[in-house]
Amino acid sequence: MTVRLHTLSNGARVLFDPMPALETFAVSVVVRGGARFEDEARSGWSHLLEHMVFKGAGDRSAQGIVEAIEGEGGQINAATGYERTSFQVRALKGRLPTAMEVLSDLLFRPAMAADELEREKDVVGQEIAEAFDTPDDHVFELAQSKAFEGQSLGRPILGSVESVGSADRDALDAWRRALYAPGRMAIAVAGAVDEAEVLEQAERWFGAQPAADGAGEPDPARFVGGSAGLARRIEQANLVWQLPAPGSKDDAYFALRLFAEILGGGMASRLFQEAREKRGLAYSIDAYADTFEDAGVLGVFAGASAGEAQALARLVAEQIAELADRPREDELARAKAQLKGSMFMAQESPLARAERAAAQTLMFGRPFTTAEIGTEIDEVEVDDLRAVGARLLEPEAAAGAVLGPKAALKAGETFGRALFG
């Protein structure tokens, strides 16, 4: 059944996606806003705000918020990204009113107590420290900082201790009003729900909120590139290499996704077979396409011994260049099957369906059917892979990051030299 889209008078979009055979449903309220919309002084404020609204909202305390949902058999969560922030509830059939009320309170009526804000700054500070202490997290931050150096996309979503520490209650609440404006919001409900009730509850809890000016548009993304290295006394080198790639709105989006799948998307991929199975250069290695509205990256992550890091960098560069030049029909067919398999598996999850419909609506103005997406995937040909490969290599720019033993640190630069000379 096609997802149905409605728009409230204040600009908030409501999406209804019934799954009648289920006994549960999911609500995802997704906002077009996150770390990319912050200036440097407010870096990390979107994530801090996501934490703060759970400290009390409406007439409920922090404990009261989770008890309202969990007491009816549900789960509540939230996540902040670069371009979107989402609040999610999964619950049993018939509990939609409570879910909508609680989510509306979080977005529009948080307490934002000053003493709670000071405590939560400390909590986020611990989260920043934890990310720094986790090599396979921090190495991605290092790569991102080089890929988009000097831009909001190049700063960690968590921000810094200094920028988070500068937030006060009034300034953070003003940021909430800008970020969570109804016109930049999509409320998606999937599962065991009735359309009339969805619209009634959405109008009651979200429609009464007045329209407001939202956060301004971020600057266009610019892939910069460069190499970062951080020596740590750990056993394994953590490595990330990135190339500039098309964004989510680009016609080459699905060709990029398939390129990444062929390169390192599974155990049959080129990198897994060459780097691990045939040469034993890495225990873990995979490729990914990370896309934003107007830009993206093709990335490779690997864990390897320090002594193998440079050989691995050269192998990854070799495999990217070879795939860009000579993609094969058989591996394209496998990648298409994998991509469609993932899509149809996600169709069995109400939360995944709600999140996807909301994200597509915020970016494209409407959700897409699985048939439409499947057709887009099926229409990609080997010539499209060559074309996207040429776009990856044409700027002759790469970002590399290495975290681990000192002997591995040159592997970030080795990757770029191996590709571009």
Protein backbone atom coordinates (compact mmCIF):
# COMPACT_ATOMS: atom_id res chain seq x y z
CA MET A 1 0.00 0.00 0.00
CA THR A 2 1.35 3.44 -0.93
CA VAL A 3 2.33 5.72 1.96
CA ARG A 4 -0.11 8.62 2.17
CA LEU A 5 1.15 12.14 2.77
CA HIS A 6 -0.79 14.96 4.46
CA THR A 7 0.34 18.49 5.31
CA LEU A 8 -0.88 20.35 8.39
CA SER A 9 -1.66 24.07 8.27
CA ASN A 10 1.63 24.95 9.98
CA GLY A 11 3.65 23.08 7.36
CA ALA A 12 4.34 19.85 9.28
CA ARG A 13 4.05 16.77 7.07
CA VAL A 14 2.23 13.61 8.27
CA LEU A 15 2.85 10.21 6.68
CA PHE A 16 0.58 7.19 7.12
CA ASP A 17 1.91 3.73 6.29
CA PRO A 18 -0.40 0.91 7.43
CA MET A 19 0.83 -2.64 8.14
CA PRO A 20 -2.45 -4.29 9.18
CA ALA A 21 -1.04 -7.70 10.09
CA LEU A 22 1.10 -6.30 12.91
CA GLU A 23 0.37 -5.82 16.60
CA THR A 24 2.77 -2.86 16.91
CA PHE A 25 3.45 0.49 15.28
CA ALA A 26 6.26 3.04 15.10
CA VAL A 27 6.18 6.84 15.11
CA SER A 28 9.21 8.73 13.87
CA VAL A 29 9.28 12.52 14.07
CA VAL A 30 12.17 13.63 11.88
CA VAL A 31 13.43 17.19 11.66
CA ARG A 32 15.54 18.60 8.85
CA GLY A 33 18.29 19.88 11.07
CA GLY A 34 21.37 18.73 12.90
CA ALA A 35 25.08 19.35 13.22
CA ARG A 36 25.45 20.64 9.65
CA PHE A 37 23.20 23.61 10.46
CA GLU A 38 25.36 24.78 13.37
CA ASP A 39 28.01 27.46 13.29
CA GLU A 40 31.28 26.74 15.07
CA ALA A 41 30.19 28.43 18.31
CA ARG A 42 27.11 26.17 18.51
CA SER A 43 28.87 22.97 17.46
CA GLY A 44 27.21 20.05 19.24
CA TRP A 45 24.15 22.01 20.33
CA SER A 46 21.71 19.90 18.27
CA HIS A 47 22.93 16.75 20.01
CA LEU A 48 22.92 18.47 23.41
CA LEU A 49 19.36 19.63 22.75
CA GLU A 50 18.29 16.08 21.91
CA HIS A 51 19.60 15.05 25.34
CA MET A 52 18.00 17.96 27.16
CA VAL A 53 14.42 17.47 26.01
CA PHE A 54 14.40 14.06 27.70
CA LYS A 55 15.18 15.68 31.07
CA GLY A 56 11.57 16.75 31.44
CA ALA A 57 8.81 17.86 29.06
CA GLY A 58 5.16 18.84 29.36
CA ASP A 59 4.04 17.78 32.84
CA ARG A 60 6.39 14.77 32.96
CA SER A 61 9.78 14.41 34.60
CA ALA A 62 12.65 12.56 32.89
CA GLN A 63 11.48 9.37 34.58
CA GLY A 64 7.87 10.14 33.74
CA ILE A 65 8.67 10.39 30.01
CA VAL A 66 10.13 6.91 29.76
CA GLU A 67 7.56 5.40 32.14
CA ALA A 68 4.71 6.75 30.00
CA ILE A 69 6.05 4.82 27.00
CA GLU A 70 7.57 1.76 28.67
CA GLY A 71 4.54 1.36 30.95
CA GLU A 72 2.49 0.61 27.83
CA GLY A 73 5.01 -1.84 26.40
CA GLY A 74 6.80 0.67 24.19
CA GLN A 75 10.31 1.97 23.54
CA ILE A 76 11.50 5.54 22.99
CA ASN A 77 14.72 6.79 21.47
CA ALA A 78 16.29 9.66 19.53
CA ALA A 79 19.28 10.32 17.29
CA THR A 80 21.11 13.37 15.96
CA GLY A 81 22.91 13.38 12.61
CA TYR A 82 24.43 16.02 10.39
CA GLU A 83 21.26 16.83 8.45
CA ARG A 84 18.42 15.24 10.46
CA THR A 85 17.35 14.69 14.04
CA SER A 86 14.77 12.01 14.81
CA PHE A 87 12.62 11.03 17.77
CA GLN A 88 11.11 7.55 17.70
CA VAL A 89 8.55 5.52 19.60
CA ARG A 90 7.70 1.86 19.03
CA ALA A 91 4.60 0.67 20.87
CA LEU A 92 1.75 -1.79 20.98
CA LYS A 93 -1.35 -1.30 18.87
CA GLY A 94 -3.76 1.20 20.42
CA ARG A 95 -1.12 3.34 22.20
CA LEU A 96 -0.79 6.02 19.52
CA PRO A 97 -2.25 8.90 21.63
CA THR A 98 0.39 8.49 24.34
CA ALA A 99 3.20 8.24 21.79
CA MET A 100 2.10 11.39 19.97
CA GLU A 101 1.64 13.36 23.18
CA VAL A 102 5.06 12.46 24.56
CA LEU A 103 6.85 13.21 21.30
CA SER A 104 5.06 16.53 20.95
CA ASP A 105 6.08 17.46 24.50
CA LEU A 106 9.71 16.66 23.78
CA LEU A 107 9.81 18.87 20.70
CA PHE A 108 7.64 21.78 21.80
CA ARG A 109 7.38 21.81 25.60
CA PRO A 110 10.69 20.70 27.18
CA ALA A 111 11.46 22.01 30.66
CA MET A 112 15.08 22.94 29.83
CA ALA A 113 15.96 23.47 33.50
CA ALA A 114 19.25 25.30 33.99
CA ASP A 115 20.56 22.85 36.61
CA GLU A 116 19.76 19.89 34.35
CA LEU A 117 21.59 21.62 31.49
CA GLU A 118 24.78 21.87 33.53
CA ARG A 119 24.58 18.18 34.43
CA GLU A 120 23.91 17.18 30.83
CA LYS A 121 26.92 19.17 29.61
CA ASP A 122 29.02 16.91 31.82
CA VAL A 123 27.30 13.82 30.39
CA VAL A 124 27.99 14.95 26.82
CA GLY A 125 31.57 15.70 27.83
CA GLN A 126 31.89 12.08 28.92
CA GLU A 127 30.38 10.97 25.60
CA ILE A 128 32.97 13.07 23.72
CA ALA A 129 35.74 11.48 25.80
CA GLU A 130 34.33 8.01 25.14
CA ALA A 131 34.34 8.63 21.37
CA PHE A 132 37.96 9.81 21.60
CA ASP A 133 38.88 6.67 23.52
CA THR A 134 37.20 4.39 20.95
CA PRO A 135 39.65 4.05 18.04
CA ASP A 136 37.16 2.85 15.43
CA ASP A 137 34.90 5.81 16.26
CA HIS A 138 37.54 8.51 16.51
CA VAL A 139 39.25 7.57 13.24
CA PHE A 140 36.01 8.42 11.37
CA GLU A 141 35.95 11.84 13.03
CA LEU A 142 39.54 12.40 11.92
CA ALA A 143 38.68 11.47 8.32
CA GLN A 144 35.56 13.63 8.33
CA SER A 145 37.55 16.59 9.64
CA LYS A 146 39.90 16.31 6.65
CA ALA A 147 37.23 15.60 4.04
CA PHE A 148 35.26 18.74 4.96
CA GLU A 149 37.87 20.80 6.79
CA GLY A 150 36.69 24.20 8.04
CA GLN A 151 32.97 23.37 7.57
CA SER A 152 30.19 22.16 9.82
CA LEU A 153 30.31 18.78 8.05
CA GLY A 154 33.90 18.50 9.21
CA ARG A 155 33.11 18.94 12.90
CA PRO A 156 31.97 16.09 15.17
CA ILE A 157 28.23 15.78 15.72
CA LEU A 158 28.97 15.76 19.46
CA GLY A 159 30.76 19.11 19.22
CA SER A 160 33.60 19.98 21.59
CA VAL A 161 33.68 20.36 25.36
CA GLU A 162 34.16 24.12 24.84
CA SER A 163 31.30 24.67 22.38
CA VAL A 164 28.86 22.50 24.35
CA GLY A 165 29.94 24.18 27.56
CA SER A 166 29.08 27.62 26.17
CA ALA A 167 25.36 26.81 25.81
CA ASP A 168 22.97 28.50 28.22
CA ARG A 169 19.29 27.76 28.67
CA ASP A 170 17.87 30.70 26.68
CA ALA A 171 20.26 30.29 23.77
CA LEU A 172 19.69 26.54 23.57
CA ASP A 173 15.91 27.01 23.72
CA ALA A 174 16.12 29.54 20.88
CA TRP A 175 18.06 26.93 18.90
CA ARG A 176 15.30 24.41 19.66
CA ARG A 177 12.62 26.73 18.28
CA ALA A 178 14.61 27.23 15.08
CA LEU A 179 15.60 23.59 14.64
CA TYR A 180 12.24 22.07 15.52
CA ALA A 181 10.05 24.44 13.50
CA PRO A 182 6.95 22.58 12.19
CA GLY A 183 7.71 23.39 8.55
CA ARG A 184 10.93 21.37 8.70
CA MET A 185 9.29 18.37 10.37
CA ALA A 186 7.82 15.07 9.15
CA ILE A 187 5.73 12.83 11.42
CA ALA A 188 5.67 9.30 10.01
CA VAL A 189 3.55 6.50 11.47
CA ALA A 190 3.86 2.91 10.26
CA GLY A 191 2.34 -0.36 11.46
CA ALA A 192 -0.93 -1.21 13.20
CA VAL A 193 -2.57 2.21 12.94
CA ASP A 194 -5.73 3.81 11.59
CA GLU A 195 -5.39 6.76 9.22
CA ALA A 196 -8.18 8.79 10.80
CA GLU A 197 -6.62 8.41 14.25
CA VAL A 198 -3.15 9.30 12.94
CA LEU A 199 -4.45 12.54 11.43
CA GLU A 200 -6.52 13.38 14.52
CA GLN A 201 -3.58 12.87 16.88
CA ALA A 202 -1.13 14.67 14.60
CA GLU A 203 -3.45 17.66 14.34
CA ARG A 204 -4.00 17.72 18.10
CA TRP A 205 -0.38 17.42 19.18
CA PHE A 206 1.54 18.94 16.26
CA GLY A 207 -0.93 21.01 14.25
CA ALA A 208 -1.61 23.55 17.01
CA GLN A 209 2.04 24.61 17.11
CA PRO A 210 2.37 27.92 15.22
CA ALA A 211 4.50 28.06 12.09
CA ALA A 212 7.95 29.54 12.71
CA ASP A 213 11.09 30.53 10.87
CA GLY A 214 13.53 27.66 10.93
CA ALA A 215 17.31 27.47 11.05
CA GLY A 216 19.06 28.96 8.04
CA GLU A 217 20.44 26.88 5.19
CA PRO A 218 23.96 25.49 5.55
CA ASP A 219 26.72 26.52 3.17
CA PRO A 220 27.34 24.24 0.17
CA ALA A 221 29.64 21.36 1.03
CA ARG A 222 33.24 21.37 -0.30
CA PHE A 223 35.40 18.25 -0.21
CA VAL A 224 38.86 19.44 0.84
CA GLY A 225 40.92 16.33 1.57
CA GLY A 226 44.16 15.73 3.42
CA SER A 227 45.64 13.25 5.84
CA ALA A 228 45.33 12.94 9.62
CA GLY A 229 47.21 10.59 11.89
CA LEU A 230 47.09 9.94 15.61
CA ALA A 231 49.58 7.63 17.26
CA ARG A 232 48.14 5.36 19.96
CA ARG A 233 49.72 2.46 21.82
CA ILE A 234 47.25 -0.11 20.58
CA GLU A 235 47.78 -3.33 18.67
CA GLN A 236 45.88 -2.61 15.47
CA ALA A 237 45.84 0.32 13.06
CA ASN A 238 42.40 1.77 12.33
CA LEU A 239 42.28 3.23 8.82
CA VAL A 240 39.74 5.29 6.88
CA TRP A 241 40.12 6.58 3.32
CA GLN A 242 37.56 8.78 1.58
CA LEU A 243 36.96 10.21 -1.90
CA PRO A 244 34.50 12.96 -2.92
CA ALA A 245 31.25 11.48 -4.20
CA PRO A 246 27.76 12.48 -5.40
CA GLY A 247 25.13 13.45 -2.81
CA SER A 248 21.70 12.01 -2.06
CA LYS A 249 19.93 14.21 -4.63
CA ASP A 250 22.35 13.40 -7.43
CA ASP A 251 21.21 11.21 -10.34
CA ALA A 252 24.29 9.04 -9.72
CA TYR A 253 23.20 8.16 -6.15
CA PHE A 254 22.28 4.53 -6.84
CA ALA A 255 25.34 4.00 -9.04
CA LEU A 256 27.45 5.19 -6.10
CA ARG A 257 25.69 2.84 -3.69
CA LEU A 258 26.27 -0.07 -6.04
CA PHE A 259 29.91 0.92 -6.59
CA ALA A 260 30.46 0.84 -2.81
CA GLU A 261 28.70 -2.52 -2.53
CA ILE A 262 30.90 -4.08 -5.21
CA LEU A 263 34.03 -2.56 -3.72
CA GLY A 264 33.54 -3.62 -0.12
CA GLY A 265 29.93 -4.32 0.76
CA GLY A 266 30.16 -7.94 1.85
CA MET A 267 32.21 -11.12 1.90
CA ALA A 268 32.01 -11.47 -1.89
CA SER A 269 33.21 -7.90 -2.44
CA ARG A 270 36.51 -7.05 -4.11
CA LEU A 271 38.17 -5.70 -0.99
CA PHE A 272 37.16 -8.57 1.28
CA GLN A 273 38.35 -11.14 -1.22
CA GLU A 274 41.60 -9.40 -2.13
CA ALA A 275 42.62 -7.84 1.19
CA ARG A 276 41.52 -10.55 3.59
CA GLU A 277 40.96 -13.83 1.81
CA LYS A 278 43.80 -13.75 -0.73
CA ARG A 279 46.47 -11.58 0.92
CA GLY A 280 45.66 -11.53 4.63
CA LEU A 281 46.30 -7.79 4.91
CA ALA A 282 43.31 -7.01 7.13
CA TYR A 283 40.94 -8.76 9.49
CA SER A 284 38.08 -6.33 8.83
CA ILE A 285 37.53 -4.17 5.77
CA ASP A 286 34.46 -2.64 4.17
CA ALA A 287 33.42 0.17 1.86
CA TYR A 288 30.50 2.55 2.26
CA ALA A 289 28.76 5.49 0.60
CA ASP A 290 27.95 8.28 3.04
CA THR A 291 25.75 10.91 1.40
CA PHE A 292 24.38 14.32 2.32
CA GLU A 293 21.97 16.56 0.43
CA ASP A 294 24.59 18.08 -1.88
CA ALA A 295 27.73 15.97 -1.40
CA GLY A 296 28.95 12.59 -0.34
CA VAL A 297 31.96 10.40 0.21
CA LEU A 298 32.99 6.95 -0.89
CA GLY A 299 34.81 5.54 2.11
CA VAL A 300 36.77 2.47 3.11
CA PHE A 301 37.37 1.40 6.71
CA ALA A 302 39.90 -1.25 7.68
CA GLY A 303 41.60 -2.68 10.73
CA ALA A 304 45.10 -3.99 10.08
CA SER A 305 48.49 -4.51 11.66
CA ALA A 306 50.79 -1.51 11.46
CA GLY A 307 53.19 -3.40 9.25
CA GLU A 308 50.53 -4.06 6.63
CA ALA A 309 48.92 -0.60 6.64
CA GLN A 310 50.77 0.88 3.68
CA ALA A 311 50.42 -2.24 1.55
CA LEU A 312 46.72 -2.20 2.34
CA ALA A 313 46.44 1.48 1.35
CA ARG A 314 48.00 0.69 -2.03
CA LEU A 315 45.69 -2.30 -2.52
CA VAL A 316 42.57 -0.23 -1.74
CA ALA A 317 43.66 2.45 -4.22
CA GLU A 318 44.35 -0.24 -6.82
CA GLN A 319 40.92 -1.83 -6.36
CA ILE A 320 39.08 1.50 -6.62
CA ALA A 321 40.92 2.42 -9.81
CA GLU A 322 40.33 -1.02 -11.31
CA LEU A 323 36.63 -1.00 -10.46
CA ALA A 324 36.25 2.50 -11.93
CA ASP A 325 37.84 1.23 -15.14
CA ARG A 326 36.52 -2.33 -15.45
CA PRO A 327 33.29 -3.09 -13.59
CA ARG A 328 31.74 -6.47 -14.37
CA GLU A 329 28.15 -7.46 -15.08
CA ASP A 330 28.21 -10.36 -12.59
CA GLU A 331 29.30 -8.21 -9.65
CA LEU A 332 26.78 -5.51 -10.57
CA ALA A 333 24.02 -8.14 -10.47
CA ARG A 334 25.17 -9.28 -7.02
CA ALA A 335 25.27 -5.70 -5.74
CA LYS A 336 21.77 -5.01 -7.05
CA ALA A 337 20.46 -8.12 -5.29
CA GLN A 338 22.13 -7.08 -2.04
CA LEU A 339 20.82 -3.51 -2.19
CA LYS A 340 17.27 -4.64 -2.96
CA GLY A 341 17.49 -7.36 -0.33
CA SER A 342 18.38 -4.79 2.32
CA MET A 343 15.53 -2.57 1.19
CA PHE A 344 12.91 -5.32 1.35
CA MET A 345 14.17 -6.57 4.72
CA ALA A 346 13.78 -3.04 6.06
CA GLN A 347 10.20 -3.06 4.77
CA GLU A 348 9.40 -5.59 7.50
CA SER A 349 10.27 -3.06 10.24
CA PRO A 350 7.72 -0.33 11.03
CA LEU A 351 10.44 1.93 12.43
CA ALA A 352 12.67 1.55 9.36
CA ARG A 353 9.70 2.33 7.11
CA ALA A 354 8.72 5.39 9.12
CA GLU A 355 12.29 6.72 9.23
CA ARG A 356 12.78 6.25 5.49
CA ALA A 357 9.45 7.83 4.52
CA ALA A 358 10.12 10.86 6.74
CA ALA A 359 13.67 11.34 5.46
CA GLN A 360 12.60 11.08 1.82
CA THR A 361 9.77 13.55 2.35
CA LEU A 362 12.06 16.11 3.98
CA MET A 363 14.58 15.78 1.15
CA PHE A 364 12.40 15.21 -1.92
CA GLY A 365 8.92 16.37 -0.89
CA ARG A 366 7.40 12.88 -0.91
CA PRO A 367 8.18 9.25 -0.03
CA PHE A 368 9.11 6.75 -2.72
CA THR A 369 7.65 3.30 -3.19
CA THR A 370 9.85 0.22 -3.11
CA ALA A 371 8.92 -0.33 -6.76
CA GLU A 372 10.30 3.09 -7.70
CA ILE A 373 13.53 2.47 -5.81
CA GLY A 374 13.84 -1.02 -7.24
CA THR A 375 13.49 0.37 -10.76
CA GLU A 376 16.20 2.97 -10.08
CA ILE A 377 18.53 0.21 -8.88
CA ASP A 378 17.74 -2.08 -11.82
CA GLU A 379 18.42 0.67 -14.36
CA VAL A 380 22.06 1.15 -13.28
CA GLU A 381 24.44 -0.28 -15.89
CA VAL A 382 28.19 -0.92 -15.93
CA ASP A 383 28.66 2.33 -17.87
CA ASP A 384 27.06 4.16 -14.93
CA LEU A 385 29.60 2.55 -12.61
CA ARG A 386 32.41 3.77 -14.88
CA ALA A 387 30.90 7.26 -14.88
CA VAL A 388 30.63 7.45 -11.10
CA GLY A 389 34.14 6.02 -10.82
CA ALA A 390 35.44 8.81 -13.04
CA ARG A 391 33.70 11.37 -10.81
CA LEU A 392 35.34 9.86 -7.74
CA LEU A 393 38.81 10.14 -9.23
CA GLU A 394 38.59 13.29 -11.35
CA PRO A 395 39.13 15.85 -8.52
CA GLU A 396 42.34 14.03 -7.47
CA ALA A 397 41.47 14.65 -3.82
CA ALA A 398 41.37 12.16 -0.97
CA ALA A 399 40.98 12.22 2.79
CA GLY A 400 42.82 9.70 4.93
CA ALA A 401 42.94 9.02 8.65
CA VAL A 402 45.01 6.57 10.63
CA LEU A 403 44.76 5.90 14.35
CA GLY A 404 47.10 3.38 15.88
CA PRO A 405 50.78 2.48 16.06
CA LYS A 406 53.18 5.14 14.80
CA ALA A 407 54.49 2.83 12.07
CA ALA A 408 51.07 2.92 10.36
CA LEU A 409 50.54 6.68 10.20
CA LYS A 410 51.86 7.20 6.66
CA ALA A 411 49.13 4.96 5.24
CA GLY A 412 46.76 7.91 4.96
CA GLU A 413 49.06 9.73 2.53
CA THR A 414 50.04 6.49 0.77
CA PHE A 415 46.44 5.98 -0.40
CA GLY A 416 46.31 9.36 -2.18
CA ARG A 417 49.72 8.94 -3.76
CA ALA A 418 48.83 5.47 -5.01
CA LEU A 419 45.69 6.82 -6.70
CA PHE A 420 46.95 10.11 -8.08
CA GLY A 421 50.77 9.89 -8.10
